[in-house]
C-alpha atoms as a PDB file:
ATOM      1  CA  MET A   1       0.000   0.000   0.000  1.00  0.00           C
ATOM      2  CA  GLU A   2       1.158   3.481  -0.796  1.00  0.00           C
ATOM      3  CA  GLN A   3       0.332   6.663   1.124  1.00  0.00           C
ATOM      4  CA  ALA A   4      -2.255   7.520  -1.553  1.00  0.00           C
ATOM      5  CA  HIS A   5      -4.109   4.299  -0.713  1.00  0.00           C
ATOM      6  CA  THR A   6      -4.071   5.171   2.985  1.00  0.00           C
ATOM      7  CA  ARG A   7      -5.573   8.586   2.277  1.00  0.00           C
ATOM      8  CA  LYS A   8      -8.298   7.067   0.099  1.00  0.00           C
ATOM      9  CA  LEU A   9      -9.215   4.510   2.780  1.00  0.00           C
ATOM     10  CA  LYS A  10      -9.417   7.198   5.447  1.00  0.00           C
ATOM     11  CA  LYS A  11     -11.526   9.443   3.231  1.00  0.00           C
ATOM     12  CA  LYS A  12     -13.942   6.730   2.094  1.00  0.00           C
ATOM     13  CA  PHE A  13     -14.300   4.814   5.376  1.00  0.00           C
ATOM     14  CA  LYS A  14     -13.673   7.547   7.942  1.00  0.00           C
ATOM     15  CA  SER A  15     -16.724   6.729  10.069  1.00  0.00           C
ATOM     16  CA  ASN A  16     -15.906   2.993  10.092  1.00  0.00           C
ATOM     17  CA  LEU A  17     -12.260   3.197  11.025  1.00  0.00           C
ATOM     18  CA  ASN A  18     -12.850   4.527  14.558  1.00  0.00           C
ATOM     19  CA  LYS A  19      -9.180   5.056  15.462  1.00  0.00           C
ATOM     20  CA  GLN A  20      -8.069   1.840  13.736  1.00  0.00           C
ATOM     21  CA  HIS A  21      -4.392   1.805  12.872  1.00  0.00           C
ATOM     22  CA  ILE A  22      -3.606   1.580   9.158  1.00  0.00           C
ATOM     23  CA  ILE A  23      -0.124   0.381   8.296  1.00  0.00           C
ATOM     24  CA  CYS A  24       1.389   1.629   5.064  1.00  0.00           C
ATOM     25  CA  LEU A  25       4.368  -0.423   3.950  1.00  0.00           C
ATOM     26  CA  GLY A  26       5.317   2.096   1.267  1.00  0.00           C
ATOM     27  CA  ILE A  27       5.437  -0.517  -1.474  1.00  0.00           C
ATOM     28  CA  PRO A  28       4.524   0.868  -4.902  1.00  0.00           C
ATOM     29  CA  ASP A  29       1.635  -0.762  -6.722  1.00  0.00           C
ATOM     30  CA  ASP A  30       3.895  -1.895  -9.578  1.00  0.00           C
ATOM     31  CA  TYR A  31       3.921  -5.656  -9.061  1.00  0.00           C
ATOM     32  CA  ASP A  32       2.019  -8.533 -10.589  1.00  0.00           C
ATOM     33  CA  TYR A  33       0.258 -11.089  -8.398  1.00  0.00           C
ATOM     34  CA  MET A  34       2.803 -13.175  -6.456  1.00  0.00           C
ATOM     35  CA  ASP A  35       5.746 -11.355  -8.075  1.00  0.00           C
ATOM     36  CA  LYS A  36       8.962 -12.675  -6.490  1.00  0.00           C
ATOM     37  CA  GLY A  37      10.202  -9.147  -5.796  1.00  0.00           C
ATOM     38  CA  LEU A  38       6.948  -8.266  -4.040  1.00  0.00           C
ATOM     39  CA  VAL A  39       6.969 -11.455  -1.983  1.00  0.00           C
ATOM     40  CA  SER A  40      10.535 -10.680  -0.896  1.00  0.00           C
ATOM     41  CA  LEU A  41       9.602  -7.117   0.121  1.00  0.00           C
ATOM     42  CA  LEU A  42       6.607  -8.367   2.101  1.00  0.00           C
ATOM     43  CA  LYS A  43       8.667 -11.009   3.890  1.00  0.00           C
ATOM     44  CA  ASN A  44      11.075  -8.281   4.993  1.00  0.00           C
ATOM     45  CA  LYS A  45       8.549  -5.582   5.959  1.00  0.00           C
ATOM     46  CA  VAL A  46       5.515  -7.381   7.392  1.00  0.00           C
ATOM     47  CA  PRO A  47       7.016  -9.337  10.336  1.00  0.00           C
ATOM     48  CA  GLN A  48       7.728  -6.160  12.316  1.00  0.00           C
ATOM     49  CA  PHE A  49       3.989  -5.366  12.344  1.00  0.00           C
ATOM     50  CA  ILE A  50       2.637  -8.771  13.417  1.00  0.00           C
ATOM     51  CA  SER A  51       3.203 -10.724  16.576  1.00  0.00           C
END
């Protein structure tokens, strides 16, 4: 998700988010489904946000 996606979510679903935390990984939307480069980026960035 890019910052633009975060802004769109907040604008469209403002009343439903109710202080929910949205995490933006800063990964451009330039990858195909299951692209190896994307999978590698996700494996490196996501673990710090989940427990």
